[in-house]
């Protein structure tokens, strides 16, 4: 089975973000995914009003649980610029369909956007890869594993470690390179 893997290299992430122009729906979709850790089915429900207010709030599609995610300042700035460039109204979907602005793009279309970006940088990429990348990068930057477990709504830290792609090889790198008191 081919499972989604996180992007672990910052250079590859930078290249990925350069595939689309900064003021496009495609760029914003990548940025929103990488900076919230939300599932794509939930991201596509994002509306302009909440996004401009700096958060995502709804019931998660998969779990049915109420969830709020605060958006970071850089993502909020991207959203403001995008909303202005597209003359969006508060009740509009952030990721509106070009065929019908009263609807969000489909999960299939979101997958195409993400997969195309991956193809352009030479990796197989899915929407779920971006969610896992959020977790991996957050963990690599020192975010506590129990907090990531909470964000992802996982039953255990072991599940979260496996989910974000932490392997025995990476654990071995830590123990083989740290020397304390000797």
N, C-alpha and C. Protein backbone atom coordinates (compact mmCIF):
# COMPACT_ATOMS: atom_id res chain seq x y z
N UNK A 1 0.84 -1.17 0.00
CA UNK A 1 0.00 0.00 0.00
C UNK A 1 0.89 1.25 0.00
N UNK A 2 0.53 2.24 -0.80
CA UNK A 2 1.29 3.47 -0.90
C UNK A 2 0.69 4.50 0.04
N UNK A 3 1.38 4.81 1.13
CA UNK A 3 0.84 5.76 2.10
C UNK A 3 1.53 7.11 1.95
N UNK A 4 0.80 8.15 2.31
CA UNK A 4 1.32 9.51 2.23
C UNK A 4 2.48 9.68 3.19
N UNK A 5 3.50 10.37 2.74
CA UNK A 5 4.68 10.63 3.55
C UNK A 5 4.85 12.13 3.72
N UNK A 6 5.37 12.57 4.88
CA UNK A 6 5.62 13.99 5.05
C UNK A 6 6.85 14.43 4.26
N UNK A 7 6.89 15.69 3.92
CA UNK A 7 8.10 16.28 3.35
C UNK A 7 8.99 16.63 4.52
N UNK A 8 10.23 16.15 4.50
CA UNK A 8 11.13 16.35 5.63
C UNK A 8 12.25 17.34 5.35
N UNK A 9 12.38 17.77 4.11
CA UNK A 9 13.47 18.66 3.74
C UNK A 9 12.96 20.08 3.52
N UNK A 10 13.46 21.05 4.30
CA UNK A 10 13.04 22.45 4.13
C UNK A 10 13.24 22.98 2.71
N UNK A 11 14.31 22.58 2.04
CA UNK A 11 14.58 23.05 0.67
C UNK A 11 13.47 22.57 -0.27
N UNK A 12 13.03 21.35 -0.10
CA UNK A 12 11.96 20.80 -0.93
C UNK A 12 10.64 21.56 -0.67
N UNK A 13 10.40 21.92 0.57
CA UNK A 13 9.21 22.71 0.89
C UNK A 13 9.27 24.08 0.22
N UNK A 14 10.44 24.68 0.25
CA UNK A 14 10.62 25.99 -0.41
C UNK A 14 10.34 25.86 -1.90
N UNK A 15 10.90 24.84 -2.51
CA UNK A 15 10.68 24.60 -3.95
C UNK A 15 9.20 24.37 -4.24
N UNK A 16 8.55 23.63 -3.38
CA UNK A 16 7.12 23.34 -3.54
C UNK A 16 6.30 24.63 -3.55
N UNK A 17 6.63 25.52 -2.63
CA UNK A 17 5.88 26.77 -2.52
C UNK A 17 6.16 27.73 -3.68
N UNK A 18 7.18 27.45 -4.45
CA UNK A 18 7.49 28.29 -5.61
C UNK A 18 6.82 27.80 -6.89
N UNK A 19 6.11 26.69 -6.83
CA UNK A 19 5.44 26.14 -8.01
C UNK A 19 4.32 27.08 -8.48
N UNK A 20 3.56 27.60 -7.52
CA UNK A 20 2.43 28.47 -7.86
C UNK A 20 2.74 29.92 -7.47
N UNK A 21 2.13 30.86 -8.18
CA UNK A 21 2.27 32.27 -7.83
C UNK A 21 1.63 32.52 -6.47
N UNK A 22 2.20 33.45 -5.74
CA UNK A 22 1.81 33.71 -4.36
C UNK A 22 0.36 34.15 -4.18
N UNK A 23 -0.22 34.80 -5.15
CA UNK A 23 -1.58 35.33 -4.99
C UNK A 23 -2.66 34.42 -5.56
N UNK A 24 -2.34 33.14 -5.76
CA UNK A 24 -3.30 32.23 -6.37
C UNK A 24 -3.95 31.30 -5.34
N UNK A 25 -5.09 30.76 -5.72
CA UNK A 25 -5.81 29.79 -4.90
C UNK A 25 -4.93 28.57 -4.63
N UNK A 26 -4.17 28.16 -5.65
CA UNK A 26 -3.33 26.98 -5.51
C UNK A 26 -2.24 27.19 -4.44
N UNK A 27 -1.60 28.34 -4.49
CA UNK A 27 -0.56 28.66 -3.50
C UNK A 27 -1.18 28.70 -2.11
N UNK A 28 -2.32 29.37 -2.00
CA UNK A 28 -2.97 29.48 -0.69
C UNK A 28 -3.38 28.11 -0.16
N UNK A 29 -3.83 27.23 -1.03
CA UNK A 29 -4.21 25.89 -0.59
C UNK A 29 -3.01 25.16 0.02
N UNK A 30 -1.86 25.25 -0.65
CA UNK A 30 -0.65 24.62 -0.10
C UNK A 30 -0.29 25.25 1.24
N UNK A 31 -0.28 26.57 1.28
CA UNK A 31 0.10 27.28 2.51
C UNK A 31 -0.87 26.96 3.66
N UNK A 32 -2.15 26.97 3.37
CA UNK A 32 -3.17 26.70 4.39
C UNK A 32 -3.00 25.27 4.93
N UNK A 33 -2.77 24.33 4.04
CA UNK A 33 -2.58 22.93 4.44
C UNK A 33 -1.34 22.75 5.31
N UNK A 34 -0.24 23.34 4.86
CA UNK A 34 1.03 23.19 5.57
C UNK A 34 1.05 23.91 6.91
N UNK A 35 0.22 24.92 7.07
CA UNK A 35 0.28 25.74 8.28
C UNK A 35 -0.84 25.50 9.28
N UNK A 36 -1.76 24.60 8.96
CA UNK A 36 -2.84 24.31 9.91
C UNK A 36 -2.87 22.85 10.36
N UNK A 37 -2.40 21.94 9.52
CA UNK A 37 -2.48 20.53 9.86
C UNK A 37 -3.89 19.97 9.77
N UNK A 38 -4.80 20.71 9.17
CA UNK A 38 -6.17 20.24 9.02
C UNK A 38 -6.29 19.25 7.86
N UNK A 39 -7.29 18.40 7.92
CA UNK A 39 -7.60 17.51 6.80
C UNK A 39 -8.13 18.34 5.64
N UNK A 40 -7.91 17.88 4.42
CA UNK A 40 -8.34 18.64 3.25
C UNK A 40 -9.85 18.82 3.24
N UNK A 41 -10.60 17.82 3.68
CA UNK A 41 -12.06 17.94 3.71
C UNK A 41 -12.50 19.08 4.62
N UNK A 42 -11.72 19.37 5.64
CA UNK A 42 -12.04 20.48 6.54
C UNK A 42 -11.54 21.82 5.98
N UNK A 43 -10.38 21.82 5.38
CA UNK A 43 -9.84 23.04 4.79
C UNK A 43 -10.79 23.60 3.74
N UNK A 44 -11.35 22.73 2.95
CA UNK A 44 -12.22 23.18 1.86
C UNK A 44 -13.50 23.85 2.37
N UNK A 45 -13.83 23.66 3.64
CA UNK A 45 -14.99 24.31 4.23
C UNK A 45 -14.68 25.73 4.72
N UNK A 46 -13.41 26.13 4.66
CA UNK A 46 -13.01 27.44 5.18
C UNK A 46 -13.76 28.56 4.46
N UNK A 47 -14.26 29.50 5.25
CA UNK A 47 -14.94 30.65 4.66
C UNK A 47 -14.11 31.91 4.86
N UNK A 48 -14.43 32.93 4.12
CA UNK A 48 -13.68 34.18 4.15
C UNK A 48 -13.80 34.86 5.51
N UNK A 49 -15.01 34.92 6.05
CA UNK A 49 -15.23 35.64 7.30
C UNK A 49 -14.33 35.12 8.43
N UNK A 50 -14.38 33.81 8.69
CA UNK A 50 -13.56 33.23 9.76
C UNK A 50 -12.07 33.35 9.45
N UNK A 51 -11.72 33.13 8.20
CA UNK A 51 -10.31 33.18 7.81
C UNK A 51 -9.74 34.57 8.03
N UNK A 52 -10.49 35.60 7.68
CA UNK A 52 -10.03 36.97 7.91
C UNK A 52 -9.96 37.30 9.40
N UNK A 53 -10.79 36.63 10.18
CA UNK A 53 -10.76 36.82 11.63
C UNK A 53 -9.61 36.05 12.28
N UNK A 54 -8.94 35.21 11.50
CA UNK A 54 -7.75 34.52 11.99
C UNK A 54 -7.95 33.13 12.54
N UNK A 55 -9.03 32.48 12.14
CA UNK A 55 -9.22 31.12 12.63
C UNK A 55 -10.04 30.28 11.64
N UNK A 56 -9.99 28.98 11.85
CA UNK A 56 -10.86 28.01 11.17
C UNK A 56 -11.68 27.39 12.28
N UNK A 57 -12.99 27.34 12.09
CA UNK A 57 -13.86 26.75 13.11
C UNK A 57 -14.99 26.00 12.42
N UNK A 58 -15.17 24.76 12.82
CA UNK A 58 -16.25 23.94 12.27
C UNK A 58 -16.20 22.59 12.98
N UNK A 59 -17.05 21.70 12.52
CA UNK A 59 -16.97 20.31 12.97
C UNK A 59 -16.09 19.57 11.98
N UNK A 60 -15.16 18.80 12.51
CA UNK A 60 -14.30 18.02 11.62
C UNK A 60 -15.17 17.02 10.87
N UNK A 61 -14.93 16.90 9.58
CA UNK A 61 -15.71 15.98 8.76
C UNK A 61 -15.53 14.54 9.23
N UNK A 62 -14.31 14.14 9.52
CA UNK A 62 -14.04 12.76 9.88
C UNK A 62 -14.53 12.40 11.28
N UNK A 63 -14.28 13.28 12.25
CA UNK A 63 -14.59 12.93 13.64
C UNK A 63 -15.91 13.49 14.13
N UNK A 64 -16.42 14.52 13.47
CA UNK A 64 -17.65 15.16 13.92
C UNK A 64 -17.45 16.05 15.14
N UNK A 65 -16.20 16.19 15.59
CA UNK A 65 -15.91 16.99 16.77
C UNK A 65 -15.71 18.45 16.38
N UNK A 66 -16.17 19.34 17.25
CA UNK A 66 -15.97 20.78 17.07
C UNK A 66 -14.47 21.06 17.20
N UNK A 67 -13.95 21.87 16.30
CA UNK A 67 -12.53 22.18 16.34
C UNK A 67 -12.31 23.63 15.92
N UNK A 68 -11.35 24.25 16.57
CA UNK A 68 -10.92 25.60 16.21
C UNK A 68 -9.43 25.56 16.00
N UNK A 69 -8.99 26.14 14.89
CA UNK A 69 -7.56 26.25 14.61
C UNK A 69 -7.25 27.72 14.36
N UNK A 70 -6.33 28.28 15.13
CA UNK A 70 -5.91 29.65 14.94
C UNK A 70 -4.89 29.70 13.81
N UNK A 71 -5.06 30.66 12.92
CA UNK A 71 -4.17 30.80 11.77
C UNK A 71 -3.01 31.72 12.13
N UNK A 72 -1.80 31.36 11.69
CA UNK A 72 -0.64 32.18 12.03
C UNK A 72 -0.67 33.50 11.24
N UNK A 73 0.04 34.52 11.73
CA UNK A 73 0.00 35.85 11.09
C UNK A 73 0.40 35.88 9.62
N UNK A 74 1.38 35.09 9.22
CA UNK A 74 1.79 35.08 7.81
C UNK A 74 0.69 34.50 6.93
N UNK A 75 0.04 33.46 7.41
CA UNK A 75 -1.07 32.87 6.66
C UNK A 75 -2.23 33.86 6.59
N UNK A 76 -2.50 34.56 7.68
CA UNK A 76 -3.56 35.56 7.68
C UNK A 76 -3.29 36.66 6.65
N UNK A 77 -2.04 37.07 6.53
CA UNK A 77 -1.68 38.09 5.54
C UNK A 77 -1.90 37.57 4.11
N UNK A 78 -1.50 36.33 3.86
CA UNK A 78 -1.74 35.71 2.55
C UNK A 78 -3.23 35.69 2.23
N UNK A 79 -4.02 35.34 3.22
CA UNK A 79 -5.47 35.26 3.04
C UNK A 79 -6.03 36.64 2.71
N UNK A 80 -5.61 37.66 3.46
CA UNK A 80 -6.11 39.02 3.20
C UNK A 80 -5.81 39.45 1.77
N UNK A 81 -4.57 39.21 1.34
CA UNK A 81 -4.18 39.60 -0.03
C UNK A 81 -5.00 38.84 -1.07
N UNK A 82 -5.21 37.56 -0.83
CA UNK A 82 -5.96 36.70 -1.75
C UNK A 82 -7.43 37.14 -1.82
N UNK A 83 -8.02 37.43 -0.68
CA UNK A 83 -9.42 37.85 -0.62
C UNK A 83 -9.60 39.17 -1.39
N UNK A 84 -8.68 40.10 -1.17
CA UNK A 84 -8.75 41.38 -1.88
C UNK A 84 -8.57 41.19 -3.39
N UNK A 85 -7.60 40.37 -3.78
CA UNK A 85 -7.33 40.16 -5.21
C UNK A 85 -8.50 39.50 -5.92
N UNK A 86 -9.29 38.71 -5.20
CA UNK A 86 -10.41 37.99 -5.80
C UNK A 86 -11.77 38.59 -5.46
N UNK A 87 -11.76 39.74 -4.80
CA UNK A 87 -12.99 40.44 -4.41
C UNK A 87 -14.00 39.51 -3.72
N UNK A 88 -13.50 38.72 -2.78
CA UNK A 88 -14.36 37.77 -2.09
C UNK A 88 -15.17 38.46 -0.99
N UNK A 89 -16.34 37.92 -0.73
CA UNK A 89 -17.24 38.43 0.30
C UNK A 89 -17.15 37.53 1.54
N UNK A 90 -17.54 38.04 2.72
CA UNK A 90 -17.43 37.27 3.96
C UNK A 90 -18.06 35.88 3.92
N UNK A 91 -19.17 35.74 3.20
CA UNK A 91 -19.87 34.44 3.17
C UNK A 91 -19.28 33.48 2.14
N UNK A 92 -18.34 33.92 1.32
CA UNK A 92 -17.75 33.07 0.28
C UNK A 92 -16.84 32.00 0.87
N UNK A 93 -16.73 30.90 0.13
CA UNK A 93 -15.71 29.91 0.46
C UNK A 93 -14.36 30.49 0.10
N UNK A 94 -13.36 30.21 0.91
CA UNK A 94 -12.01 30.68 0.61
C UNK A 94 -11.50 29.99 -0.65
N UNK A 95 -11.78 28.71 -0.77
CA UNK A 95 -11.33 27.93 -1.93
C UNK A 95 -12.54 27.66 -2.83
N UNK A 96 -13.07 28.72 -3.41
CA UNK A 96 -14.27 28.65 -4.23
C UNK A 96 -14.00 27.96 -5.56
N UNK A 97 -15.04 27.34 -6.09
CA UNK A 97 -14.97 26.70 -7.39
C UNK A 97 -15.08 27.76 -8.48
N UNK A 98 -14.27 27.63 -9.52
CA UNK A 98 -14.36 28.56 -10.65
C UNK A 98 -15.66 28.37 -11.42
N UNK A 99 -16.25 27.17 -11.32
CA UNK A 99 -17.51 26.89 -12.03
C UNK A 99 -18.70 27.47 -11.29
N UNK A 100 -18.65 27.47 -9.97
CA UNK A 100 -19.76 27.96 -9.15
C UNK A 100 -19.18 28.54 -7.87
N UNK A 101 -19.10 29.85 -7.79
CA UNK A 101 -18.47 30.52 -6.65
C UNK A 101 -19.21 30.28 -5.34
N UNK A 102 -20.40 29.71 -5.41
CA UNK A 102 -21.15 29.38 -4.19
C UNK A 102 -20.74 28.02 -3.62
N UNK A 103 -19.82 27.37 -4.28
CA UNK A 103 -19.34 26.06 -3.84
C UNK A 103 -17.82 26.09 -3.69
N UNK A 104 -17.33 25.21 -2.84
CA UNK A 104 -15.88 25.06 -2.69
C UNK A 104 -15.37 24.12 -3.77
N UNK A 105 -14.07 24.17 -4.03
CA UNK A 105 -13.49 23.21 -4.96
C UNK A 105 -13.67 21.81 -4.35
N UNK A 106 -13.62 20.82 -5.19
CA UNK A 106 -13.80 19.44 -4.72
C UNK A 106 -12.49 18.90 -4.15
N UNK A 107 -12.60 17.82 -3.40
CA UNK A 107 -11.40 17.15 -2.90
C UNK A 107 -10.54 16.67 -4.06
N UNK A 108 -11.18 16.25 -5.14
CA UNK A 108 -10.45 15.78 -6.32
C UNK A 108 -9.62 16.93 -6.90
N UNK A 109 -10.24 18.11 -7.01
CA UNK A 109 -9.52 19.27 -7.53
C UNK A 109 -8.38 19.66 -6.59
N UNK A 110 -8.61 19.62 -5.30
CA UNK A 110 -7.56 19.92 -4.33
C UNK A 110 -6.40 18.93 -4.51
N UNK A 111 -6.73 17.66 -4.68
CA UNK A 111 -5.70 16.65 -4.90
C UNK A 111 -4.89 16.95 -6.17
N UNK A 112 -5.57 17.36 -7.23
CA UNK A 112 -4.87 17.69 -8.48
C UNK A 112 -3.89 18.84 -8.26
N UNK A 113 -4.31 19.84 -7.52
CA UNK A 113 -3.46 21.00 -7.25
C UNK A 113 -2.20 20.56 -6.51
N UNK A 114 -2.38 19.76 -5.47
CA UNK A 114 -1.26 19.30 -4.65
C UNK A 114 -0.37 18.33 -5.42
N UNK A 115 -0.97 17.38 -6.12
CA UNK A 115 -0.20 16.39 -6.89
C UNK A 115 0.63 17.08 -7.97
N UNK A 116 0.04 18.08 -8.64
CA UNK A 116 0.78 18.81 -9.68
C UNK A 116 2.00 19.51 -9.08
N UNK A 117 1.82 20.13 -7.93
CA UNK A 117 2.95 20.79 -7.27
C UNK A 117 4.04 19.77 -6.94
N UNK A 118 3.63 18.60 -6.45
CA UNK A 118 4.60 17.54 -6.16
C UNK A 118 5.33 17.09 -7.41
N UNK A 119 4.59 16.91 -8.51
CA UNK A 119 5.20 16.51 -9.78
C UNK A 119 6.25 17.53 -10.22
N UNK A 120 5.94 18.79 -10.01
CA UNK A 120 6.84 19.87 -10.45
C UNK A 120 8.17 19.87 -9.68
N UNK A 121 8.16 19.33 -8.46
CA UNK A 121 9.40 19.28 -7.67
C UNK A 121 9.95 17.86 -7.56
N UNK A 122 9.30 16.93 -8.25
CA UNK A 122 9.83 15.57 -8.32
C UNK A 122 9.48 14.64 -7.17
N UNK A 123 8.35 14.89 -6.50
CA UNK A 123 7.91 13.99 -5.43
C UNK A 123 6.45 13.64 -5.62
N UNK A 124 6.07 12.47 -5.13
CA UNK A 124 4.67 12.09 -5.11
C UNK A 124 4.06 12.73 -3.89
N UNK A 125 3.02 13.51 -4.12
CA UNK A 125 2.46 14.30 -3.03
C UNK A 125 0.94 14.20 -3.03
N UNK A 126 0.38 14.13 -1.83
CA UNK A 126 -1.07 14.14 -1.67
C UNK A 126 -1.44 15.20 -0.64
N UNK A 127 -2.71 15.48 -0.54
CA UNK A 127 -3.17 16.44 0.47
C UNK A 127 -2.79 15.95 1.86
N UNK A 128 -2.88 14.65 2.06
CA UNK A 128 -2.55 14.09 3.37
C UNK A 128 -1.06 14.24 3.68
N UNK A 129 -0.22 14.24 2.65
CA UNK A 129 1.21 14.47 2.85
C UNK A 129 1.45 15.83 3.50
N UNK A 130 0.65 16.82 3.12
CA UNK A 130 0.83 18.16 3.66
C UNK A 130 0.44 18.21 5.14
N UNK A 131 -0.60 17.48 5.51
CA UNK A 131 -1.00 17.39 6.92
C UNK A 131 0.11 16.74 7.74
N UNK A 132 0.67 15.68 7.21
CA UNK A 132 1.77 15.00 7.90
C UNK A 132 3.02 15.88 7.95
N UNK A 133 3.24 16.66 6.90
CA UNK A 133 4.39 17.58 6.88
C UNK A 133 4.26 18.62 7.98
N UNK A 134 3.05 19.15 8.17
CA UNK A 134 2.81 20.07 9.28
C UNK A 134 3.28 19.44 10.59
N UNK A 135 2.86 18.21 10.85
CA UNK A 135 3.23 17.53 12.09
C UNK A 135 4.72 17.29 12.20
N UNK A 136 5.33 16.83 11.12
CA UNK A 136 6.77 16.55 11.14
C UNK A 136 7.56 17.83 11.41
N UNK A 137 7.22 18.89 10.70
CA UNK A 137 7.96 20.14 10.85
C UNK A 137 7.74 20.74 12.24
N UNK A 138 6.51 20.66 12.74
CA UNK A 138 6.23 21.17 14.09
C UNK A 138 7.05 20.39 15.12
N UNK A 139 7.07 19.08 14.99
CA UNK A 139 7.84 18.23 15.91
C UNK A 139 9.33 18.54 15.81
N UNK A 140 9.82 18.72 14.59
CA UNK A 140 11.24 19.03 14.37
C UNK A 140 11.63 20.38 14.97
N UNK A 141 10.65 21.28 15.07
CA UNK A 141 10.91 22.60 15.65
C UNK A 141 10.64 22.64 17.15
N UNK A 142 10.41 21.48 17.75
CA UNK A 142 10.30 21.40 19.20
C UNK A 142 8.90 21.40 19.77
N UNK A 143 7.86 21.31 18.93
CA UNK A 143 6.50 21.24 19.47
C UNK A 143 6.35 19.89 20.18
N UNK A 144 5.82 19.95 21.37
CA UNK A 144 5.67 18.76 22.20
C UNK A 144 4.79 17.72 21.51
N UNK A 145 5.21 16.47 21.58
CA UNK A 145 4.50 15.38 20.93
C UNK A 145 3.07 15.24 21.45
N UNK A 146 2.86 15.47 22.74
CA UNK A 146 1.50 15.34 23.28
C UNK A 146 0.58 16.41 22.69
N UNK A 147 1.12 17.58 22.37
CA UNK A 147 0.31 18.63 21.75
C UNK A 147 -0.06 18.24 20.31
N UNK A 148 0.88 17.66 19.59
CA UNK A 148 0.58 17.18 18.24
C UNK A 148 -0.45 16.05 18.29
N UNK A 149 -0.33 15.19 19.27
CA UNK A 149 -1.31 14.12 19.44
C UNK A 149 -2.70 14.72 19.62
N UNK A 150 -2.80 15.77 20.38
CA UNK A 150 -4.08 16.46 20.61
C UNK A 150 -4.58 17.11 19.30
N UNK A 151 -3.69 17.80 18.60
CA UNK A 151 -4.07 18.48 17.35
C UNK A 151 -4.60 17.47 16.34
N UNK A 152 -3.92 16.34 16.23
CA UNK A 152 -4.32 15.33 15.25
C UNK A 152 -5.43 14.41 15.77
N UNK A 153 -5.76 14.53 17.05
CA UNK A 153 -6.79 13.69 17.66
C UNK A 153 -6.42 12.20 17.60
N UNK A 154 -5.15 11.93 17.91
CA UNK A 154 -4.67 10.55 17.90
C UNK A 154 -4.84 9.92 19.29
N UNK A 155 -4.92 8.61 19.31
CA UNK A 155 -5.14 7.89 20.57
C UNK A 155 -3.87 7.73 21.39
N UNK A 156 -2.70 7.82 20.75
CA UNK A 156 -1.45 7.66 21.50
C UNK A 156 -0.32 8.41 20.80
N UNK A 157 0.74 8.64 21.57
CA UNK A 157 1.91 9.31 20.99
C UNK A 157 2.61 8.41 19.98
N UNK A 158 2.53 7.11 20.17
CA UNK A 158 3.11 6.17 19.21
C UNK A 158 2.46 6.33 17.85
N UNK A 159 1.15 6.48 17.84
CA UNK A 159 0.42 6.69 16.59
C UNK A 159 0.89 7.99 15.94
N UNK A 160 1.04 9.04 16.73
CA UNK A 160 1.47 10.34 16.19
C UNK A 160 2.88 10.25 15.62
N UNK A 161 3.79 9.60 16.31
CA UNK A 161 5.16 9.46 15.80
C UNK A 161 5.17 8.74 14.46
N UNK A 162 4.43 7.65 14.38
CA UNK A 162 4.34 6.90 13.12
C UNK A 162 3.70 7.76 12.03
N UNK A 163 2.68 8.50 12.40
CA UNK A 163 1.93 9.35 11.47
C UNK A 163 2.82 10.42 10.84
N UNK A 164 3.66 11.05 11.64
CA UNK A 164 4.51 12.13 11.13
C UNK A 164 5.83 11.63 10.56
N UNK A 165 6.02 10.32 10.57
CA UNK A 165 7.16 9.73 9.87
C UNK A 165 8.46 9.68 10.66
N UNK A 166 8.35 9.67 11.99
CA UNK A 166 9.56 9.53 12.80
C UNK A 166 9.90 8.05 12.84
N UNK A 167 11.09 7.73 12.37
CA UNK A 167 11.50 6.33 12.25
C UNK A 167 12.61 5.99 13.24
N UNK A 168 12.91 4.71 13.34
CA UNK A 168 14.00 4.27 14.20
C UNK A 168 15.32 4.88 13.73
N UNK A 169 15.49 5.04 12.45
CA UNK A 169 16.71 5.64 11.92
C UNK A 169 16.89 7.06 12.46
N UNK A 170 15.80 7.82 12.51
CA UNK A 170 15.88 9.18 13.05
C UNK A 170 16.15 9.17 14.55
N UNK A 171 15.57 8.22 15.25
CA UNK A 171 15.85 8.08 16.68
C UNK A 171 17.32 7.71 16.90
N UNK A 172 17.86 6.84 16.05
CA UNK A 172 19.26 6.45 16.15
C UNK A 172 20.20 7.62 15.92
N UNK A 173 19.82 8.54 15.04
CA UNK A 173 20.66 9.73 14.80
C UNK A 173 20.81 10.55 16.07
N UNK A 174 19.74 10.64 16.86
CA UNK A 174 19.80 11.39 18.11
C UNK A 174 20.76 10.72 19.08
N UNK A 175 20.57 9.44 19.32
CA UNK A 175 21.39 8.77 20.34
C UNK A 175 22.83 8.58 19.88
N UNK A 176 23.06 8.56 18.59
CA UNK A 176 24.45 8.38 18.10
C UNK A 176 25.23 9.69 18.03
N UNK A 177 24.56 10.82 18.15
CA UNK A 177 25.26 12.09 18.00
C UNK A 177 25.32 12.91 19.28
N UNK A 178 24.50 12.58 20.27
CA UNK A 178 24.49 13.35 21.51
C UNK A 178 25.46 12.72 22.50
N UNK A 179 26.33 13.56 23.03
CA UNK A 179 27.29 13.11 24.04
C UNK A 179 27.12 14.02 25.25
N UNK A 180 26.74 13.44 26.38
CA UNK A 180 26.47 14.21 27.57
C UNK A 180 27.40 13.75 28.69
N UNK A 181 28.19 14.67 29.16
CA UNK A 181 29.03 14.42 30.33
C UNK A 181 30.25 13.54 30.08
N UNK A 182 30.55 13.23 28.82
CA UNK A 182 31.76 12.42 28.55
C UNK A 182 32.56 13.05 27.43
